[in-house]
Protein backbone atom coordinates (compact mmCIF):
# COMPACT_ATOMS: atom_id res chain seq x y z
CA MET A 1 -0.12 0.34 0.07
CA ILE A 2 1.22 3.43 -1.40
CA ARG A 3 1.33 5.87 1.76
CA ALA A 4 4.03 8.72 0.97
CA ILE A 5 4.69 10.45 -2.72
CA LEU A 6 8.15 11.76 -2.02
CA PHE A 7 9.31 14.47 -5.25
CA ASP A 8 12.26 16.46 -6.65
CA PHE A 9 12.29 19.71 -6.64
CA GLY A 10 13.42 21.06 -9.68
CA GLN A 11 11.86 20.10 -13.41
CA THR A 12 9.33 18.34 -10.81
CA LEU A 13 7.61 20.60 -9.11
CA VAL A 14 9.03 23.77 -10.50
CA ASP A 15 9.98 24.78 -14.30
CA SER A 16 13.55 26.04 -13.99
CA ALA A 17 14.44 25.06 -17.64
CA ASN A 18 14.53 29.16 -18.89
CA GLY A 19 16.40 29.52 -16.38
CA PHE A 20 19.52 27.30 -16.24
CA ARG A 21 19.83 27.68 -20.10
CA ALA A 22 20.08 31.59 -19.49
CA ALA A 23 22.37 30.75 -17.12
CA GLU A 24 24.44 28.79 -18.77
CA ARG A 25 24.91 31.16 -22.02
CA GLN A 26 25.63 33.99 -19.58
CA ALA A 27 28.60 31.67 -17.83
CA GLN A 28 29.81 29.91 -21.50
CA GLN A 29 30.07 33.75 -22.90
CA ARG A 30 31.93 35.23 -19.39
CA LEU A 31 34.29 32.12 -19.49
CA TYR A 32 34.68 32.33 -23.17
CA ALA A 33 35.98 36.21 -22.96
CA ASP A 34 39.43 34.50 -21.37
CA PHE A 35 39.77 32.25 -24.03
CA GLN A 36 39.37 34.27 -27.49
CA ASP A 37 42.26 32.32 -28.99
CA ILE A 38 40.61 29.22 -29.03
CA PRO A 39 37.55 28.57 -31.68
CA TRP A 40 34.30 28.86 -30.59
CA GLU A 41 32.86 25.96 -31.42
CA ASN A 42 36.11 23.96 -29.87
CA PHE A 43 35.54 25.70 -26.32
CA LEU A 44 31.73 24.84 -26.58
CA ALA A 45 32.56 21.40 -27.10
CA ASP A 46 34.99 20.94 -24.57
CA TYR A 47 32.71 23.04 -22.14
CA ARG A 48 29.72 20.37 -22.99
CA ARG A 49 31.74 17.60 -22.82
CA LEU A 50 33.29 18.81 -18.86
CA ARG A 51 29.81 19.87 -17.54
CA GLN A 52 28.69 16.11 -18.97
CA GLU A 53 31.36 14.48 -16.71
CA PHE A 54 30.30 16.54 -14.07
CA HIS A 55 26.79 15.59 -14.33
CA ALA A 56 27.77 11.81 -14.55
CA ARG A 57 28.98 11.71 -11.23
CA SER A 58 26.47 13.93 -9.66
CA ASP A 59 28.69 17.08 -8.59
CA PHE A 60 26.66 20.46 -9.28
CA SER A 61 29.62 22.89 -8.21
CA ARG A 62 29.45 25.25 -10.93
CA PRO A 63 32.95 27.20 -9.89
CA ALA A 64 34.48 23.98 -9.88
CA LEU A 65 33.30 23.16 -13.45
CA TRP A 66 34.64 26.54 -14.49
CA GLN A 67 37.61 26.24 -12.72
CA ALA A 68 38.32 22.57 -14.80
CA VAL A 69 37.84 24.43 -18.05
CA TYR A 70 40.92 26.76 -17.22
CA HIS A 71 42.43 24.28 -16.25
CA LEU A 72 42.08 22.10 -19.20
CA PHE A 73 43.37 25.21 -21.12
CA ASN A 74 46.08 25.27 -18.73
CA ARG A 75 45.33 28.93 -17.28
CA GLU A 76 44.35 30.11 -13.92
CA ALA A 77 41.23 30.99 -12.39
CA ASP A 78 40.55 34.05 -10.28
CA TRP A 79 38.19 32.06 -7.30
CA ARG A 80 36.87 35.68 -6.44
CA ARG A 81 35.60 36.30 -9.73
CA LEU A 82 34.06 32.44 -10.16
CA GLY A 83 32.22 33.19 -7.20
CA ASN A 84 30.86 36.39 -8.65
CA TRP A 85 29.65 34.80 -11.56
CA GLU A 86 28.42 32.25 -9.08
CA THR A 87 26.10 34.41 -7.47
CA THR A 88 24.75 36.14 -10.75
CA TYR A 89 24.17 32.30 -12.41
CA TRP A 90 21.90 31.62 -9.37
CA GLU A 91 20.19 35.01 -9.74
CA THR A 92 19.44 34.17 -13.39
CA VAL A 93 17.90 30.30 -12.76
CA GLN A 94 15.63 31.70 -9.78
CA ALA A 95 14.09 34.81 -11.88
CA ALA A 96 13.06 32.66 -14.93
CA SER A 97 12.00 29.74 -12.57
CA SER A 98 8.33 29.05 -11.76
CA LEU A 99 5.31 26.63 -10.30
CA PHE A 100 4.42 24.51 -13.02
CA PRO A 101 0.83 25.92 -13.31
CA GLU A 102 -0.99 22.37 -11.50
CA THR A 103 1.58 22.23 -8.58
CA LYS A 104 0.38 23.47 -5.73
CA ALA A 105 -3.21 22.32 -6.53
CA VAL A 106 -1.87 18.82 -7.01
CA LEU A 107 -0.06 19.05 -3.59
CA ALA A 108 -2.60 20.08 -1.82
CA LYS A 109 -5.05 17.36 -3.34
CA LEU A 110 -2.81 14.52 -2.91
CA ALA A 111 -1.59 15.68 1.15
CA ALA A 112 -5.39 14.59 1.94
CA ASN A 113 -4.01 10.94 1.18
CA TYR A 114 -0.49 10.23 1.52
CA ARG A 115 2.58 11.69 3.32
CA ILE A 116 4.05 14.39 1.68
CA ALA A 117 8.08 14.39 1.66
CA LEU A 118 11.03 16.25 -0.76
CA ILE A 119 14.28 14.98 -1.92
CA THR A 120 16.11 17.22 -3.82
CA ASN A 121 19.74 17.23 -4.52
CA THR A 122 22.00 20.83 -3.91
CA GLN A 123 22.83 22.30 -7.34
CA GLY A 124 26.10 23.39 -6.17
CA GLN A 125 24.65 26.89 -4.72
CA LYS A 126 25.69 28.24 -2.12
CA THR A 127 22.62 27.60 0.52
CA ALA A 128 23.72 29.77 3.36
CA GLY A 129 21.83 27.07 5.36
CA ASN A 130 18.62 27.37 2.86
CA HIS A 131 17.56 25.42 -0.33
CA ARG A 132 16.00 26.63 -3.42
CA THR A 133 12.04 25.65 -2.15
CA SER A 134 12.71 28.59 -0.07
CA GLN A 135 11.98 30.74 -3.17
CA PHE A 136 8.46 29.07 -3.00
CA PRO A 137 7.48 29.43 0.88
CA GLU A 138 4.15 27.82 0.15
CA LEU A 139 4.78 25.02 -0.71
CA GLU A 140 6.80 23.90 2.28
CA ARG A 141 3.77 23.25 4.33
CA PHE A 142 3.14 20.09 2.35
CA PHE A 143 6.00 18.51 2.68
CA GLU A 144 6.58 16.58 6.53
CA VAL A 145 9.98 15.99 5.24
CA ILE A 146 12.42 17.75 3.48
CA ILE A 147 16.40 15.57 2.53
CA VAL A 148 18.69 18.53 0.89
CA ALA A 149 21.33 16.14 -0.95
CA GLY A 150 24.41 16.86 -1.48
CA GLU A 151 25.60 18.77 1.61
CA SER A 152 26.42 18.43 5.38
CA GLY A 153 27.61 15.00 4.38
CA LEU A 154 25.15 13.57 2.95
CA PRO A 155 25.71 12.32 -0.80
CA PRO A 156 23.82 13.23 -3.71
CA LYS A 157 20.99 11.32 -5.59
CA PRO A 158 21.16 8.47 -7.43
CA ASP A 159 23.15 7.46 -4.10
CA PRO A 160 20.52 5.46 -2.18
CA ALA A 161 21.12 7.66 1.44
CA PRO A 162 19.06 10.55 0.92
CA PHE A 163 16.55 7.87 -0.48
CA ARG A 164 16.75 5.70 2.54
CA LEU A 165 17.40 8.93 4.68
CA CYS A 166 13.79 9.86 4.04
CA LEU A 167 12.24 6.62 4.41
CA GLU A 168 13.62 6.67 7.73
CA LYS A 169 12.40 9.76 9.30
CA LEU A 170 8.61 8.91 8.01
CA ARG A 171 9.19 5.65 9.29
CA LEU A 172 8.22 3.94 6.38
CA ALA A 173 9.46 1.04 4.40
CA ALA A 174 10.45 1.60 0.53
CA ALA A 175 7.79 0.05 -0.81
CA GLU A 176 5.13 2.11 0.99
CA ALA A 177 6.53 5.17 -0.89
CA VAL A 178 6.20 6.61 -4.74
CA PHE A 179 9.19 8.91 -5.61
CA VAL A 180 8.16 11.10 -8.73
CA GLY A 181 11.35 12.73 -10.46
CA ASP A 182 12.64 14.02 -14.46
CA ASP A 183 16.04 12.51 -14.50
CA TRP A 184 15.92 9.17 -15.70
CA ARG A 185 19.90 8.43 -13.70
CA ILE A 186 19.29 10.65 -10.64
CA ASP A 187 15.48 10.25 -9.96
CA VAL A 188 14.32 7.38 -11.51
CA GLY A 189 17.81 5.12 -11.12
CA GLY A 190 18.16 6.10 -7.83
CA ALA A 191 14.40 5.52 -6.46
CA ALA A 192 14.65 2.50 -7.99
CA GLY A 193 17.58 1.42 -6.22
CA VAL A 194 16.59 1.46 -2.91
CA GLY A 195 13.29 -0.14 -3.66
CA ILE A 196 10.89 2.97 -4.46
CA GLN A 197 8.67 3.11 -7.25
CA PRO A 198 9.92 5.47 -9.55
CA VAL A 199 7.21 7.67 -11.60
CA TRP A 200 8.96 9.68 -14.45
CA LEU A 201 7.66 13.27 -15.34
CA GLN A 202 8.14 14.18 -18.50
CA HIS A 203 6.51 17.12 -18.40
CA HIS A 204 4.67 18.19 -21.60
CA SER A 205 5.78 21.94 -21.04
CA VAL A 206 9.21 21.49 -20.87
CA ARG A 207 11.70 21.69 -23.98
CA ARG A 208 13.78 18.34 -23.69
CA ASN A 209 16.05 15.76 -25.19
CA TRP A 210 14.52 12.81 -23.04
CA PRO A 211 16.39 9.53 -22.97
CA VAL A 212 15.40 7.23 -25.01
CA VAL A 213 15.07 3.95 -22.69
CA GLU A 214 13.14 0.34 -22.93
CA THR A 215 11.22 0.70 -19.14
CA THR A 216 8.28 -0.45 -17.42
CA VAL A 217 8.56 2.80 -15.05
CA PRO A 218 5.20 4.93 -15.37
CA ILE A 219 5.41 7.56 -17.39
CA ILE A 220 3.26 11.07 -16.83
CA THR A 221 3.63 14.37 -18.48
CA SER A 222 1.39 16.37 -16.15
CA LEU A 223 1.50 16.35 -12.09
CA ASP A 224 -2.32 16.10 -12.48
CA GLN A 225 -2.04 12.59 -13.36
CA LEU A 226 -0.47 12.10 -9.91
CA LEU A 227 -4.44 11.70 -8.86
CA GLU A 228 -5.03 8.83 -10.32
CA LEU A 229 -2.28 7.03 -8.65
CA ASP A 230 -3.58 3.57 -8.57
CA GLN A 231 -4.25 3.69 -12.53
CA ILE A 232 -0.75 5.01 -12.93
CA LEU A 233 1.08 1.73 -10.79
CA ARG A 234 -1.24 -0.85 -12.60
């Protein structure tokens, strides 16, 4: 019997796609100002390769990625400047982030029948003891437990630790929970790895190349579909 629904945050409850795209473009342009002797196409290809490598190991620190770019081309990075760029990066993401239209209504309805929790990876931003959910305080009342993985010694998803910690705090077995997330490796794979039933959200409003995989994992295109959870899990 499902007693709890656990959620990812970014691109699951909140649409930050445009913000991340804008922030990435700005970061690439700022970096490239120090690499004018390198063809833009070559620079961009190496930048994207490094970013993919960082993502593959769940390292979302922007300054660390940018330093790796400088190191690749045998140049010194100014950490103070990278810190300023990081601040601007997250301000850009935040300015262009918004709740999916159905988020609040769906959480309110689900909370009447299920326990609700959140497991989100820190994106490497300076949290000052807070996290990105603070931008939407109206959501926090729905969550019985909020786990911010990737800080304070807790490894990021897809590591099993944040999923197990959430279950421990809820005093539930893995079979009593569903996890809803947008990322195939981090969310779907991470949840399945600890025995939690994943639901893969490919939100219809998000412009994205979703991985093409053969899977029996339920796929939804709107949070509204969770209101018919029994049908989704058949």
